[in-house]
N, C-alpha and C. Protein backbone atom coordinates (compact mmCIF):
# COMPACT_ATOMS: atom_id res chain seq x y z
N MET A 1 173.95 -6.99 154.11
CA MET A 1 172.83 -7.95 154.06
C MET A 1 171.89 -7.72 155.22
N ARG A 2 172.35 -7.46 156.39
CA ARG A 2 171.52 -7.15 157.59
C ARG A 2 170.74 -5.82 157.40
N PHE A 3 171.40 -4.96 156.74
CA PHE A 3 170.75 -3.65 156.46
C PHE A 3 169.51 -3.86 155.63
N GLU A 4 169.60 -4.76 154.63
CA GLU A 4 168.45 -4.96 153.76
C GLU A 4 167.30 -5.67 154.53
N VAL A 5 167.71 -6.58 155.40
CA VAL A 5 166.72 -7.31 156.21
C VAL A 5 166.00 -6.32 157.11
N LYS A 6 166.80 -5.47 157.71
CA LYS A 6 166.24 -4.47 158.63
C LYS A 6 165.26 -3.56 157.91
N VAL A 7 165.65 -3.22 156.70
CA VAL A 7 164.75 -2.33 155.94
C VAL A 7 163.49 -3.09 155.55
N TYR A 8 163.71 -4.38 155.24
CA TYR A 8 162.51 -5.17 154.86
C TYR A 8 161.60 -5.32 156.02
N LYS A 9 162.22 -5.59 157.21
CA LYS A 9 161.39 -5.68 158.43
C LYS A 9 160.67 -4.38 158.76
N SER A 10 161.43 -3.32 158.53
CA SER A 10 160.85 -2.02 158.78
C SER A 10 159.65 -1.75 157.89
N LYS A 11 159.83 -2.10 156.64
CA LYS A 11 158.70 -1.94 155.65
C LYS A 11 157.57 -2.87 155.99
N ASN A 12 157.93 -4.08 156.37
CA ASN A 12 156.89 -5.05 156.78
C ASN A 12 156.09 -4.54 157.98
N ARG A 13 156.85 -4.01 158.95
CA ARG A 13 156.19 -3.45 160.14
C ARG A 13 155.30 -2.30 159.78
N LEU A 14 155.81 -1.44 158.95
CA LEU A 14 154.96 -0.31 158.46
C LEU A 14 153.73 -0.82 157.71
N PHE A 15 153.95 -1.84 156.92
CA PHE A 15 152.86 -2.40 156.19
C PHE A 15 151.80 -3.00 157.11
N THR A 16 152.27 -3.71 158.13
CA THR A 16 151.38 -4.32 159.12
C THR A 16 150.63 -3.26 159.91
N GLN A 17 151.29 -2.20 160.28
CA GLN A 17 150.62 -1.14 161.05
C GLN A 17 149.54 -0.46 160.18
N ASN A 18 149.86 -0.17 158.96
CA ASN A 18 148.89 0.48 158.06
C ASN A 18 147.70 -0.42 157.82
N SER A 19 147.95 -1.69 157.71
CA SER A 19 146.87 -2.64 157.44
C SER A 19 145.95 -2.80 158.64
N LEU A 20 146.42 -2.44 159.84
CA LEU A 20 145.60 -2.59 161.05
C LEU A 20 144.88 -1.30 161.40
N ILE A 21 145.40 -0.17 160.97
CA ILE A 21 144.73 1.12 161.35
C ILE A 21 143.35 1.25 160.77
N LEU A 22 143.19 0.90 159.51
CA LEU A 22 141.85 1.08 158.85
C LEU A 22 140.79 0.21 159.49
N PRO A 23 140.98 -1.08 159.72
CA PRO A 23 139.93 -1.90 160.40
C PRO A 23 139.65 -1.33 161.81
N TYR A 24 140.69 -0.94 162.50
CA TYR A 24 140.48 -0.41 163.88
C TYR A 24 139.64 0.87 163.81
N TYR A 25 139.91 1.70 162.82
CA TYR A 25 139.13 2.96 162.71
C TYR A 25 137.69 2.69 162.37
N ILE A 26 137.48 1.70 161.50
CA ILE A 26 136.14 1.35 161.13
C ILE A 26 135.34 0.76 162.31
N LEU A 27 136.01 -0.11 163.01
CA LEU A 27 135.42 -0.73 164.20
C LEU A 27 135.12 0.33 165.24
N SER A 28 136.02 1.27 165.44
CA SER A 28 135.80 2.35 166.40
C SER A 28 134.62 3.19 166.04
N GLU A 29 134.54 3.54 164.75
CA GLU A 29 133.40 4.33 164.30
C GLU A 29 132.08 3.60 164.46
N PHE A 30 132.15 2.26 164.17
CA PHE A 30 130.96 1.45 164.32
C PHE A 30 130.47 1.42 165.73
N MET A 31 131.44 1.25 166.62
CA MET A 31 131.07 1.23 168.05
C MET A 31 130.56 2.57 168.51
N ASN A 32 131.18 3.61 168.02
CA ASN A 32 130.64 4.98 168.35
C ASN A 32 129.24 5.14 167.82
N MET A 33 128.94 4.69 166.63
CA MET A 33 127.63 4.76 166.09
C MET A 33 126.62 3.99 166.91
N GLU A 34 127.05 2.79 167.33
CA GLU A 34 126.14 1.99 168.16
C GLU A 34 125.87 2.73 169.49
N ALA A 35 126.88 3.34 170.01
CA ALA A 35 126.69 4.07 171.25
C ALA A 35 125.75 5.25 171.03
N VAL A 36 125.86 5.95 169.91
CA VAL A 36 124.97 7.05 169.62
C VAL A 36 123.57 6.59 169.45
N LEU A 37 123.38 5.48 168.75
CA LEU A 37 122.08 4.89 168.55
C LEU A 37 121.46 4.45 169.86
N GLU A 38 122.29 3.90 170.71
CA GLU A 38 121.81 3.47 172.06
C GLU A 38 121.35 4.68 172.87
N ILE A 39 122.10 5.75 172.79
CA ILE A 39 121.71 6.95 173.51
C ILE A 39 120.40 7.52 172.93
N LEU A 40 120.29 7.54 171.60
CA LEU A 40 119.11 8.05 170.97
C LEU A 40 117.91 7.24 171.30
N LYS A 41 118.09 5.93 171.47
CA LYS A 41 116.99 5.02 171.80
C LYS A 41 116.32 5.44 173.07
N TYR A 42 117.10 5.93 174.00
CA TYR A 42 116.58 6.38 175.30
C TYR A 42 116.21 7.89 175.28
N LEU A 43 116.97 8.61 174.49
CA LEU A 43 116.80 10.06 174.50
C LEU A 43 115.56 10.51 173.73
N LEU A 44 115.29 9.91 172.54
CA LEU A 44 114.17 10.31 171.74
C LEU A 44 112.83 10.19 172.43
N PRO A 45 112.51 9.03 173.05
CA PRO A 45 111.25 8.96 173.82
C PRO A 45 111.13 10.03 174.90
N SER A 46 112.25 10.29 175.56
CA SER A 46 112.25 11.34 176.56
C SER A 46 111.93 12.71 175.98
N LEU A 47 112.54 12.98 174.86
CA LEU A 47 112.28 14.24 174.19
C LEU A 47 110.79 14.36 173.71
N VAL A 48 110.28 13.23 173.22
CA VAL A 48 108.86 13.27 172.82
C VAL A 48 107.96 13.53 174.03
N VAL A 49 108.25 12.83 175.14
CA VAL A 49 107.46 13.03 176.35
C VAL A 49 107.57 14.43 176.85
N PHE A 50 108.80 15.01 176.80
CA PHE A 50 109.05 16.35 177.27
C PHE A 50 108.28 17.35 176.39
N GLY A 51 108.36 17.16 175.04
CA GLY A 51 107.68 18.04 174.17
C GLY A 51 106.20 18.01 174.35
N THR A 52 105.64 16.80 174.51
CA THR A 52 104.22 16.63 174.72
C THR A 52 103.80 17.30 176.04
N THR A 53 104.59 17.15 177.05
CA THR A 53 104.28 17.75 178.35
C THR A 53 104.29 19.26 178.25
N VAL A 54 105.28 19.80 177.61
CA VAL A 54 105.38 21.28 177.38
C VAL A 54 104.17 21.76 176.67
N PHE A 55 103.80 21.07 175.60
CA PHE A 55 102.61 21.45 174.79
C PHE A 55 101.33 21.39 175.61
N MET A 56 101.17 20.37 176.39
CA MET A 56 99.95 20.22 177.18
C MET A 56 99.90 21.29 178.29
N VAL A 57 101.05 21.56 178.93
CA VAL A 57 101.07 22.58 179.98
C VAL A 57 100.76 23.95 179.36
N HIS A 58 101.36 24.28 178.23
CA HIS A 58 101.12 25.52 177.56
C HIS A 58 99.63 25.65 177.17
N ARG A 59 99.09 24.57 176.67
CA ARG A 59 97.66 24.59 176.28
C ARG A 59 96.77 24.77 177.51
N TYR A 60 97.17 24.12 178.57
CA TYR A 60 96.35 24.18 179.82
C TYR A 60 96.35 25.64 180.31
N PHE A 61 97.52 26.29 180.39
CA PHE A 61 97.58 27.67 180.88
C PHE A 61 96.90 28.62 179.92
N LYS A 62 96.95 28.33 178.60
CA LYS A 62 96.24 29.17 177.62
C LYS A 62 94.73 29.06 177.81
N ASN A 63 94.23 27.83 178.03
CA ASN A 63 92.80 27.65 178.26
C ASN A 63 92.35 28.30 179.58
N GLU A 64 93.25 28.21 180.58
CA GLU A 64 92.95 28.85 181.87
C GLU A 64 92.86 30.36 181.71
N GLU A 65 93.77 30.92 180.97
CA GLU A 65 93.75 32.38 180.75
C GLU A 65 92.50 32.78 180.00
N LYS A 66 92.14 32.01 178.98
CA LYS A 66 90.93 32.29 178.22
C LYS A 66 89.72 32.20 179.13
N TYR A 67 89.68 31.19 180.00
CA TYR A 67 88.54 31.04 180.93
C TYR A 67 88.45 32.21 181.90
N ARG A 68 89.60 32.64 182.42
CA ARG A 68 89.61 33.75 183.32
C ARG A 68 89.14 35.02 182.66
N ARG A 69 89.50 35.23 181.40
CA ARG A 69 89.04 36.41 180.66
C ARG A 69 87.55 36.34 180.47
N GLN A 70 87.03 35.19 180.09
CA GLN A 70 85.63 35.03 179.90
C GLN A 70 84.84 35.29 181.19
N GLN A 71 85.38 34.77 182.30
CA GLN A 71 84.74 35.01 183.61
C GLN A 71 84.76 36.51 183.97
N ALA A 72 85.87 37.18 183.60
CA ALA A 72 86.00 38.63 183.90
C ALA A 72 84.97 39.41 183.07
N VAL A 73 84.80 38.97 181.81
CA VAL A 73 83.82 39.63 180.93
C VAL A 73 82.40 39.48 181.49
N ILE A 74 82.12 38.25 181.93
CA ILE A 74 80.77 37.92 182.49
C ILE A 74 80.54 38.75 183.72
N ALA A 75 81.58 38.82 184.59
CA ALA A 75 81.47 39.60 185.85
C ALA A 75 81.23 41.09 185.55
N ASN A 76 81.99 41.57 184.54
CA ASN A 76 81.82 43.00 184.18
C ASN A 76 80.46 43.25 183.60
N GLN A 77 79.97 42.31 182.82
CA GLN A 77 78.60 42.50 182.24
C GLN A 77 77.57 42.47 183.34
N GLN A 78 77.73 41.60 184.34
CA GLN A 78 76.77 41.53 185.45
C GLN A 78 76.78 42.80 186.21
N LEU A 79 77.95 43.47 186.26
CA LEU A 79 78.05 44.70 187.04
C LEU A 79 77.56 45.90 186.21
N ILE A 80 77.93 45.93 184.96
CA ILE A 80 77.64 47.09 184.09
C ILE A 80 76.20 47.04 183.53
N THR A 81 75.67 45.86 183.28
CA THR A 81 74.30 45.82 182.63
C THR A 81 73.28 46.55 183.43
N PRO A 82 73.18 46.35 184.75
CA PRO A 82 72.19 47.19 185.49
C PRO A 82 72.44 48.70 185.36
N LEU A 83 73.67 49.11 185.34
CA LEU A 83 74.01 50.52 185.20
C LEU A 83 73.61 51.05 183.82
N ARG A 84 73.88 50.22 182.82
CA ARG A 84 73.50 50.64 181.47
C ARG A 84 71.98 50.71 181.29
N LEU A 85 71.27 49.72 181.89
CA LEU A 85 69.81 49.77 181.82
C LEU A 85 69.30 50.96 182.53
N GLN A 86 69.87 51.27 183.66
CA GLN A 86 69.43 52.50 184.42
C GLN A 86 69.72 53.76 183.59
N ALA A 87 70.85 53.77 182.91
CA ALA A 87 71.15 54.96 182.08
C ALA A 87 70.16 55.11 180.97
N TYR A 88 69.76 54.04 180.31
CA TYR A 88 68.79 54.14 179.24
C TYR A 88 67.41 54.56 179.79
N GLU A 89 67.08 54.09 180.97
CA GLU A 89 65.87 54.52 181.59
C GLU A 89 65.87 56.01 181.89
N ARG A 90 66.99 56.48 182.38
CA ARG A 90 67.11 57.93 182.68
C ARG A 90 67.10 58.74 181.39
N ALA A 91 67.68 58.20 180.33
CA ALA A 91 67.64 58.89 179.03
C ALA A 91 66.17 59.05 178.54
N ILE A 92 65.40 58.00 178.66
CA ILE A 92 63.96 58.09 178.29
C ILE A 92 63.24 59.10 179.15
N LEU A 93 63.54 59.08 180.49
CA LEU A 93 62.93 60.02 181.39
C LEU A 93 63.31 61.46 181.03
N PHE A 94 64.58 61.67 180.70
CA PHE A 94 65.02 63.02 180.26
C PHE A 94 64.24 63.48 179.07
N LEU A 95 64.11 62.62 178.08
CA LEU A 95 63.41 63.02 176.88
C LEU A 95 61.92 63.27 177.12
N GLU A 96 61.32 62.52 178.00
CA GLU A 96 59.92 62.74 178.34
C GLU A 96 59.76 64.09 179.10
N ARG A 97 60.75 64.37 179.96
CA ARG A 97 60.68 65.60 180.75
C ARG A 97 60.90 66.89 179.92
N ILE A 98 61.72 66.77 178.84
CA ILE A 98 61.93 67.96 178.03
C ILE A 98 60.97 68.02 176.84
N SER A 99 60.08 67.10 176.79
CA SER A 99 59.02 67.18 175.76
C SER A 99 58.22 68.44 176.01
N PRO A 100 58.02 69.30 174.95
CA PRO A 100 57.29 70.58 175.18
C PRO A 100 56.03 70.44 175.90
N GLU A 101 55.22 69.41 175.59
CA GLU A 101 53.92 69.28 176.30
C GLU A 101 54.12 69.07 177.78
N SER A 102 55.11 68.21 178.12
CA SER A 102 55.37 67.92 179.52
C SER A 102 55.86 69.14 180.25
N MET A 103 56.76 69.87 179.63
CA MET A 103 57.32 71.09 180.29
C MET A 103 56.28 72.16 180.43
N ILE A 104 55.40 72.36 179.52
CA ILE A 104 54.37 73.41 179.61
C ILE A 104 53.45 73.08 180.76
N MET A 105 53.05 71.79 180.87
CA MET A 105 52.18 71.42 181.97
C MET A 105 52.83 71.56 183.33
N ARG A 106 54.14 71.32 183.38
CA ARG A 106 54.87 71.38 184.62
C ARG A 106 55.32 72.80 185.03
N ILE A 107 55.63 73.62 184.07
CA ILE A 107 56.23 74.93 184.30
C ILE A 107 55.27 76.09 184.25
N ASN A 108 54.35 76.07 183.25
CA ASN A 108 53.49 77.20 183.05
C ASN A 108 52.61 77.48 184.27
N LYS A 109 52.61 78.76 184.67
CA LYS A 109 51.78 79.13 185.85
C LYS A 109 51.01 80.43 185.49
N PRO A 110 49.90 80.61 186.10
CA PRO A 110 49.15 81.86 185.82
C PRO A 110 49.99 83.12 186.19
N GLY A 111 49.97 84.10 185.38
CA GLY A 111 50.68 85.31 185.67
C GLY A 111 52.02 85.43 184.97
N LEU A 112 52.52 84.33 184.37
CA LEU A 112 53.75 84.39 183.62
C LEU A 112 53.56 85.00 182.27
N THR A 113 54.54 85.74 181.81
CA THR A 113 54.52 86.24 180.42
C THR A 113 55.12 85.21 179.46
N SER A 114 54.98 85.41 178.22
CA SER A 114 55.62 84.52 177.26
C SER A 114 57.08 84.54 177.32
N GLN A 115 57.68 85.69 177.59
CA GLN A 115 59.10 85.78 177.76
C GLN A 115 59.59 85.01 178.95
N GLN A 116 58.86 85.12 180.04
CA GLN A 116 59.24 84.39 181.26
C GLN A 116 59.07 82.86 181.07
N LEU A 117 58.03 82.49 180.39
CA LEU A 117 57.80 81.06 180.16
C LEU A 117 58.96 80.52 179.25
N HIS A 118 59.27 81.33 178.22
CA HIS A 118 60.36 80.94 177.31
C HIS A 118 61.66 80.71 178.06
N SER A 119 61.97 81.65 178.93
CA SER A 119 63.21 81.54 179.74
C SER A 119 63.16 80.31 180.61
N GLU A 120 62.04 80.06 181.25
CA GLU A 120 61.91 78.90 182.13
C GLU A 120 62.01 77.58 181.40
N LEU A 121 61.49 77.51 180.23
CA LEU A 121 61.51 76.32 179.39
C LEU A 121 62.99 75.98 179.02
N ILE A 122 63.73 76.96 178.54
CA ILE A 122 65.09 76.79 178.12
C ILE A 122 65.97 76.39 179.29
N GLN A 123 65.71 77.06 180.44
CA GLN A 123 66.49 76.78 181.63
C GLN A 123 66.21 75.37 182.13
N SER A 124 65.00 74.88 182.03
CA SER A 124 64.63 73.57 182.43
C SER A 124 65.34 72.51 181.57
N ILE A 125 65.41 72.76 180.27
CA ILE A 125 66.08 71.80 179.36
C ILE A 125 67.57 71.70 179.71
N ARG A 126 68.19 72.86 179.93
CA ARG A 126 69.62 72.89 180.27
C ARG A 126 69.89 72.21 181.61
N SER A 127 69.03 72.46 182.56
CA SER A 127 69.25 71.83 183.89
C SER A 127 69.06 70.31 183.79
N GLU A 128 68.04 69.84 183.05
CA GLU A 128 67.85 68.40 182.93
C GLU A 128 69.03 67.77 182.21
N TYR A 129 69.52 68.41 181.18
CA TYR A 129 70.64 67.89 180.38
C TYR A 129 71.89 67.76 181.25
N GLU A 130 72.21 68.82 181.96
CA GLU A 130 73.42 68.81 182.83
C GLU A 130 73.30 67.72 183.91
N HIS A 131 72.09 67.55 184.38
CA HIS A 131 71.85 66.52 185.43
C HIS A 131 72.10 65.09 184.91
N ASN A 132 71.99 64.89 183.60
CA ASN A 132 72.13 63.61 183.00
C ASN A 132 73.40 63.42 182.15
N LEU A 133 74.29 64.33 182.25
CA LEU A 133 75.52 64.24 181.44
C LEU A 133 76.30 62.98 181.68
N SER A 134 76.38 62.49 182.92
CA SER A 134 77.18 61.34 183.28
C SER A 134 76.63 60.05 182.63
N GLN A 135 75.39 60.09 182.19
CA GLN A 135 74.78 58.84 181.64
C GLN A 135 75.34 58.47 180.27
N GLN A 136 76.07 59.40 179.64
CA GLN A 136 76.63 59.13 178.31
C GLN A 136 77.70 58.06 178.44
N VAL A 137 78.27 57.86 179.61
CA VAL A 137 79.28 56.80 179.85
C VAL A 137 78.70 55.42 179.51
N TYR A 138 77.43 55.25 179.81
CA TYR A 138 76.83 53.91 179.69
C TYR A 138 75.96 53.79 178.44
N LEU A 139 75.64 54.88 177.84
CA LEU A 139 74.82 54.87 176.60
C LEU A 139 75.73 54.64 175.39
N SER A 140 75.12 54.09 174.34
CA SER A 140 75.90 53.98 173.06
C SER A 140 76.09 55.35 172.47
N HIS A 141 77.07 55.45 171.56
CA HIS A 141 77.31 56.75 170.92
C HIS A 141 76.06 57.19 170.15
N GLY A 142 75.43 56.24 169.46
CA GLY A 142 74.22 56.59 168.69
C GLY A 142 73.10 57.08 169.57
N ALA A 143 72.91 56.44 170.70
CA ALA A 143 71.78 56.84 171.65
C ALA A 143 72.04 58.24 172.18
N TRP A 144 73.30 58.52 172.55
CA TRP A 144 73.60 59.84 173.12
C TRP A 144 73.49 60.92 172.04
N GLU A 145 73.89 60.63 170.84
CA GLU A 145 73.72 61.58 169.73
C GLU A 145 72.27 61.90 169.48
N MET A 146 71.42 60.87 169.49
CA MET A 146 69.97 61.07 169.29
C MET A 146 69.43 61.92 170.44
N LEU A 147 69.93 61.70 171.61
CA LEU A 147 69.43 62.49 172.78
C LEU A 147 69.80 63.97 172.61
N LYS A 148 71.00 64.24 172.13
CA LYS A 148 71.45 65.62 171.95
C LYS A 148 70.66 66.28 170.75
N ILE A 149 70.41 65.50 169.77
CA ILE A 149 69.65 66.03 168.63
C ILE A 149 68.23 66.43 169.10
N ALA A 150 67.65 65.57 169.91
CA ALA A 150 66.30 65.86 170.42
C ALA A 150 66.31 67.14 171.28
N ARG A 151 67.33 67.27 172.08
CA ARG A 151 67.45 68.48 172.94
C ARG A 151 67.55 69.71 172.00
N GLY A 152 68.41 69.62 171.01
CA GLY A 152 68.63 70.79 170.10
C GLY A 152 67.32 71.14 169.35
N ARG A 153 66.58 70.13 168.91
CA ARG A 153 65.36 70.40 168.17
C ARG A 153 64.28 71.01 169.08
N THR A 154 64.23 70.56 170.31
CA THR A 154 63.29 71.13 171.25
C THR A 154 63.57 72.58 171.52
N ILE A 155 64.84 72.93 171.75
CA ILE A 155 65.21 74.32 172.00
C ILE A 155 64.96 75.18 170.75
N GLN A 156 65.23 74.61 169.59
CA GLN A 156 64.97 75.31 168.36
C GLN A 156 63.48 75.62 168.18
N LEU A 157 62.66 74.64 168.50
CA LEU A 157 61.23 74.78 168.34
C LEU A 157 60.70 75.90 169.31
N ILE A 158 61.09 75.87 170.53
CA ILE A 158 60.67 76.86 171.53
C ILE A 158 61.16 78.28 171.14
N ASN A 159 62.41 78.37 170.71
CA ASN A 159 62.94 79.65 170.32
C ASN A 159 62.21 80.23 169.10
N SER A 160 61.95 79.36 168.12
CA SER A 160 61.27 79.85 166.91
C SER A 160 59.83 80.31 167.23
N ARG A 161 59.12 79.61 168.13
CA ARG A 161 57.77 80.04 168.48
C ARG A 161 57.80 81.31 169.32
N ALA A 162 58.83 81.42 170.16
CA ALA A 162 58.91 82.60 171.05
C ALA A 162 59.16 83.85 170.26
N GLU A 163 59.82 83.73 169.12
CA GLU A 163 60.11 84.91 168.30
C GLU A 163 58.85 85.47 167.65
N LYS A 164 57.82 84.64 167.49
CA LYS A 164 56.58 85.05 166.87
C LYS A 164 55.50 85.51 167.84
N VAL A 165 55.80 85.42 169.10
CA VAL A 165 54.81 85.78 170.12
C VAL A 165 55.34 87.00 170.89
N PRO A 166 54.49 88.01 171.11
CA PRO A 166 54.97 89.19 171.90
C PRO A 166 55.50 88.77 173.24
N LYS A 167 56.60 89.36 173.63
CA LYS A 167 57.25 88.95 174.90
C LYS A 167 56.41 89.19 176.11
N ASP A 168 55.62 90.29 176.07
CA ASP A 168 54.76 90.63 177.24
C ASP A 168 53.39 90.01 177.20
N SER A 169 53.16 89.15 176.21
CA SER A 169 51.84 88.50 176.13
C SER A 169 51.75 87.40 177.23
N PRO A 170 50.56 87.03 177.61
CA PRO A 170 50.43 85.96 178.60
C PRO A 170 51.13 84.67 178.11
N SER A 171 51.58 83.90 179.06
CA SER A 171 52.31 82.68 178.70
C SER A 171 51.46 81.68 177.96
N ILE A 172 50.17 81.79 178.07
CA ILE A 172 49.31 80.85 177.36
C ILE A 172 49.47 81.03 175.81
N ALA A 173 49.84 82.25 175.39
CA ALA A 173 50.03 82.48 173.96
C ALA A 173 51.22 81.65 173.45
N LEU A 174 52.32 81.69 174.15
CA LEU A 174 53.50 80.90 173.75
C LEU A 174 53.19 79.42 173.86
N SER A 175 52.48 78.96 174.89
CA SER A 175 52.12 77.56 175.04
C SER A 175 51.31 77.08 173.85
N LYS A 176 50.35 77.90 173.47
CA LYS A 176 49.47 77.50 172.32
C LYS A 176 50.27 77.46 171.04
N ALA A 177 51.20 78.38 170.82
CA ALA A 177 52.01 78.39 169.61
C ALA A 177 52.88 77.16 169.50
N ILE A 178 53.47 76.79 170.68
CA ILE A 178 54.37 75.56 170.69
C ILE A 178 53.57 74.33 170.43
N LEU A 179 52.42 74.19 171.08
CA LEU A 179 51.58 72.98 170.89
C LEU A 179 51.06 72.86 169.50
N GLU A 180 50.70 74.02 168.89
CA GLU A 180 50.20 74.00 167.52
C GLU A 180 51.30 73.55 166.54
N SER A 181 52.51 74.00 166.83
CA SER A 181 53.65 73.60 165.99
C SER A 181 53.89 72.08 166.03
N ILE A 182 53.72 71.49 167.22
CA ILE A 182 53.89 70.07 167.35
C ILE A 182 52.83 69.32 166.59
N VAL A 183 51.56 69.82 166.64
CA VAL A 183 50.49 69.21 165.93
C VAL A 183 50.75 69.31 164.39
N ASP A 184 51.27 70.43 163.96
CA ASP A 184 51.58 70.56 162.53
C ASP A 184 52.69 69.60 162.10
N GLU A 185 53.63 69.38 162.98
CA GLU A 185 54.74 68.45 162.63
C GLU A 185 54.31 67.00 162.77
N GLU A 186 53.19 66.78 163.54
CA GLU A 186 52.64 65.47 163.80
C GLU A 186 53.48 64.63 164.76
N LYS A 187 54.49 65.23 165.34
CA LYS A 187 55.29 64.52 166.38
C LYS A 187 56.15 65.54 167.10
N ALA A 188 56.47 65.19 168.37
CA ALA A 188 57.34 66.05 169.19
C ALA A 188 58.76 65.87 168.75
N PRO A 189 59.64 66.89 169.09
CA PRO A 189 61.02 66.80 168.68
C PRO A 189 61.76 65.61 169.37
N THR A 190 61.20 65.11 170.43
CA THR A 190 61.85 63.98 171.16
C THR A 190 61.40 62.62 170.69
N THR A 191 60.40 62.57 169.83
CA THR A 191 59.80 61.26 169.47
C THR A 191 60.80 60.32 168.78
N ASP A 192 61.59 60.78 167.87
CA ASP A 192 62.53 59.90 167.17
C ASP A 192 63.60 59.36 168.17
N ALA A 193 64.07 60.21 169.06
CA ALA A 193 65.08 59.82 170.01
C ALA A 193 64.49 58.72 170.93
N ILE A 194 63.31 58.89 171.42
CA ILE A 194 62.70 57.91 172.29
C ILE A 194 62.55 56.58 171.56
N PHE A 195 62.10 56.63 170.32
CA PHE A 195 61.93 55.41 169.54
C PHE A 195 63.29 54.72 169.35
N PHE A 196 64.33 55.48 169.03
CA PHE A 196 65.64 54.92 168.82
C PHE A 196 66.17 54.23 170.11
N ILE A 197 66.01 54.90 171.19
CA ILE A 197 66.59 54.37 172.46
C ILE A 197 65.81 53.12 172.86
N LYS A 198 64.46 53.13 172.74
CA LYS A 198 63.66 51.95 173.11
C LYS A 198 64.06 50.74 172.26
N LYS A 199 64.31 51.00 170.97
CA LYS A 199 64.71 49.94 170.04
C LYS A 199 66.06 49.39 170.45
N GLU A 200 67.00 50.28 170.82
CA GLU A 200 68.33 49.83 171.27
C GLU A 200 68.25 49.03 172.58
N ILE A 201 67.36 49.44 173.46
CA ILE A 201 67.23 48.66 174.71
C ILE A 201 66.72 47.26 174.44
N SER A 202 65.78 47.13 173.51
CA SER A 202 65.22 45.84 173.19
C SER A 202 66.25 44.94 172.56
N GLN A 203 67.20 45.51 171.81
CA GLN A 203 68.26 44.70 171.18
C GLN A 203 69.30 44.33 172.22
N LEU A 204 69.61 45.17 173.15
CA LEU A 204 70.65 44.91 174.13
C LEU A 204 70.20 43.97 175.22
N PHE A 205 68.97 44.06 175.63
CA PHE A 205 68.53 43.34 176.81
C PHE A 205 67.40 42.36 176.55
N ALA A 206 67.21 42.04 175.26
CA ALA A 206 66.17 41.09 174.93
C ALA A 206 66.54 39.71 175.39
């Protein structure tokens, strides 16, 4: 009889323990959830503030970097613009100096033969070109190409006229042949290049 009571009590005790475990577990979980929510209540605003701060700082430094780059570009332009303008001026001067009319007036002297004048004209073009080679750094690709084309056409014109004039003839014969060729063409070989460069200057520095 005691054995049965003991078993009954044991079962009852087991029943009582099982009946208490579930509410305790639910209560514990509920309290844990409340604790998590309480933590989140303070944590989420902090995260929002932190994220906003990081965004604003990143944006600030990005704007600062952009501003510094813009200032660097402006500073470079202020430094390079006078050099570019000077290069364009020298390009125009080069083209004016290798213009056949200008060279004939500057180089031709009494007593020279056509062959001597021819040699002096070609040498003058080469010397002027070599003296201005560094200017291509500041000129646009198109401007420098037009300058080279003008140089090539001028040399071609002088050479073609020199072939038709006796080498030992007075230099005035070659001068006349060159000037007549320009009149026939209605423009000097350098005219197009000068027009191109002047137009580019007006677009760059207007």
